[in-house]
Amino acid sequence: MTEKVLAYILMDLELGKTDDVVEALRKIDEATAVAVTTGSYDVVVLLETANLEELYEITVQKIHKIPGIKETQTAVVEKMMRVR
């Protein structure tokens, strides 16, 4: 059984670009959640991919090309636990 790869992509955006970036992220099929946040990052997206190669392709070919994103940080999920 192959488990999917989950990763959080944390993003720092240009001022005034939040709505445009969120709309573009919502069009990515592998994006399962998009959150606008406070603190060090402006937006966090959760991706669910088949493998690390697919994660790389989505990050580099889709997310990095969205206008308004200044910087990203990727956090691959090693283990996910449900609390309820």
C-alpha atoms as a PDB file:
ATOM      1  CA  MET A   1       0.000   0.000   0.000  1.00  0.00           C
ATOM      2  CA  THR A   2       1.410   3.374  -1.028  1.00  0.00           C
ATOM      3  CA  GLU A   3       0.802   6.282   1.293  1.00  0.00           C
ATOM      4  CA  LYS A   4       0.388   9.747  -0.068  1.00  0.00           C
ATOM      5  CA  VAL A   5       2.851  12.513   0.692  1.00  0.00           C
ATOM      6  CA  LEU A   6       1.415  15.420   2.671  1.00  0.00           C
ATOM      7  CA  ALA A   7       3.181  18.752   2.854  1.00  0.00           C
ATOM      8  CA  TYR A   8       2.461  22.214   4.154  1.00  0.00           C
ATOM      9  CA  ILE A   9       3.673  25.047   1.945  1.00  0.00           C
ATOM     10  CA  LEU A  10       4.132  28.213   4.016  1.00  0.00           C
ATOM     11  CA  MET A  11       4.136  31.440   2.003  1.00  0.00           C
ATOM     12  CA  ASP A  12       5.212  35.029   2.420  1.00  0.00           C
ATOM     13  CA  LEU A  13       3.241  37.240   0.022  1.00  0.00           C
ATOM     14  CA  GLU A  14       3.495  40.684  -1.481  1.00  0.00           C
ATOM     15  CA  LEU A  15       1.151  43.212   0.120  1.00  0.00           C
ATOM     16  CA  GLY A  16      -2.281  43.271  -1.489  1.00  0.00           C
ATOM     17  CA  LYS A  17      -1.882  39.908  -3.268  1.00  0.00           C
ATOM     18  CA  THR A  18      -3.583  37.596  -0.758  1.00  0.00           C
ATOM     19  CA  ASP A  19      -6.898  37.177  -2.600  1.00  0.00           C
ATOM     20  CA  ASP A  20      -5.199  36.545  -5.953  1.00  0.00           C
ATOM     21  CA  VAL A  21      -2.792  33.989  -4.494  1.00  0.00           C
ATOM     22  CA  VAL A  22      -5.536  32.168  -2.581  1.00  0.00           C
ATOM     23  CA  GLU A  23      -7.675  31.980  -5.733  1.00  0.00           C
ATOM     24  CA  ALA A  24      -4.755  30.506  -7.708  1.00  0.00           C
ATOM     25  CA  LEU A  25      -3.990  27.963  -4.965  1.00  0.00           C
ATOM     26  CA  ARG A  26      -7.626  26.820  -4.858  1.00  0.00           C
ATOM     27  CA  LYS A  27      -7.274  25.762  -8.520  1.00  0.00           C
ATOM     28  CA  ILE A  28      -4.527  23.234  -7.688  1.00  0.00           C
ATOM     29  CA  ASP A  29      -6.187  19.813  -7.448  1.00  0.00           C
ATOM     30  CA  GLU A  30      -3.684  18.512  -4.890  1.00  0.00           C
ATOM     31  CA  ALA A  31      -4.377  21.401  -2.499  1.00  0.00           C
ATOM     32  CA  THR A  32      -6.663  20.046   0.224  1.00  0.00           C
ATOM     33  CA  ALA A  33      -6.742  23.184   2.417  1.00  0.00           C
ATOM     34  CA  VAL A  34      -5.713  26.820   2.091  1.00  0.00           C
ATOM     35  CA  ALA A  35      -5.441  29.051   5.163  1.00  0.00           C
ATOM     36  CA  VAL A  36      -4.785  32.760   5.471  1.00  0.00           C
ATOM     37  CA  THR A  37      -2.736  33.193   8.644  1.00  0.00           C
ATOM     38  CA  THR A  38      -1.141  35.759  10.905  1.00  0.00           C
ATOM     39  CA  GLY A  39       2.467  35.717  12.000  1.00  0.00           C
ATOM     40  CA  SER A  40       5.534  34.864   9.949  1.00  0.00           C
ATOM     41  CA  TYR A  41       3.587  33.456   6.983  1.00  0.00           C
ATOM     42  CA  ASP A  42       0.624  34.940   5.147  1.00  0.00           C
ATOM     43  CA  VAL A  43      -0.820  31.769   3.616  1.00  0.00           C
ATOM     44  CA  VAL A  44      -0.405  28.063   4.300  1.00  0.00           C
ATOM     45  CA  VAL A  45      -1.565  25.380   1.862  1.00  0.00           C
ATOM     46  CA  LEU A  46      -1.782  21.647   2.548  1.00  0.00           C
ATOM     47  CA  LEU A  47      -0.896  19.476  -0.440  1.00  0.00           C
ATOM     48  CA  GLU A  48      -1.628  15.776  -0.841  1.00  0.00           C
ATOM     49  CA  THR A  49       0.500  14.144  -3.532  1.00  0.00           C
ATOM     50  CA  ALA A  50       1.286  10.622  -4.700  1.00  0.00           C
ATOM     51  CA  ASN A  51       5.029  10.940  -4.104  1.00  0.00           C
ATOM     52  CA  LEU A  52       7.895  13.385  -3.559  1.00  0.00           C
ATOM     53  CA  GLU A  53       8.454  13.854  -7.290  1.00  0.00           C
ATOM     54  CA  GLU A  54       4.859  15.049  -7.708  1.00  0.00           C
ATOM     55  CA  LEU A  55       5.274  17.363  -4.710  1.00  0.00           C
ATOM     56  CA  TYR A  56       8.354  18.843  -6.359  1.00  0.00           C
ATOM     57  CA  GLU A  57       6.560  19.362  -9.684  1.00  0.00           C
ATOM     58  CA  ILE A  58       3.565  21.089  -8.075  1.00  0.00           C
ATOM     59  CA  THR A  59       5.778  23.300  -5.938  1.00  0.00           C
ATOM     60  CA  VAL A  60       8.143  24.341  -8.715  1.00  0.00           C
ATOM     61  CA  GLN A  61       5.842  24.321 -11.747  1.00  0.00           C
ATOM     62  CA  LYS A  62       2.638  25.636 -10.164  1.00  0.00           C
ATOM     63  CA  ILE A  63       3.095  27.333  -6.797  1.00  0.00           C
ATOM     64  CA  HIS A  64       6.395  29.119  -7.485  1.00  0.00           C
ATOM     65  CA  LYS A  65       4.892  30.597 -10.658  1.00  0.00           C
ATOM     66  CA  ILE A  66       1.952  32.283  -8.899  1.00  0.00           C
ATOM     67  CA  PRO A  67       2.414  36.066  -8.998  1.00  0.00           C
ATOM     68  CA  GLY A  68       2.505  37.662  -5.553  1.00  0.00           C
ATOM     69  CA  ILE A  69       4.376  34.910  -3.704  1.00  0.00           C
ATOM     70  CA  LYS A  70       7.692  36.253  -2.397  1.00  0.00           C
ATOM     71  CA  GLU A  71       8.978  33.188  -0.562  1.00  0.00           C
ATOM     72  CA  THR A  72       7.906  29.654   0.331  1.00  0.00           C
ATOM     73  CA  GLN A  73       8.942  27.076   2.862  1.00  0.00           C
ATOM     74  CA  THR A  74       7.893  23.433   2.520  1.00  0.00           C
ATOM     75  CA  ALA A  75       7.263  21.199   5.519  1.00  0.00           C
ATOM     76  CA  VAL A  76       6.758  17.547   4.549  1.00  0.00           C
ATOM     77  CA  VAL A  77       4.534  15.698   7.013  1.00  0.00           C
ATOM     78  CA  GLU A  78       6.359  12.706   8.511  1.00  0.00           C
ATOM     79  CA  LYS A  79       3.401  11.456  10.523  1.00  0.00           C
ATOM     80  CA  MET A  80      -0.195  12.671  10.830  1.00  0.00           C
ATOM     81  CA  MET A  81      -2.378  11.834  13.815  1.00  0.00           C
ATOM     82  CA  ARG A  82      -6.066  12.504  14.268  1.00  0.00           C
ATOM     83  CA  VAL A  83      -7.029  13.891  17.661  1.00  0.00           C
ATOM     84  CA  ARG A  84     -10.747  13.231  17.414  1.00  0.00           C
END
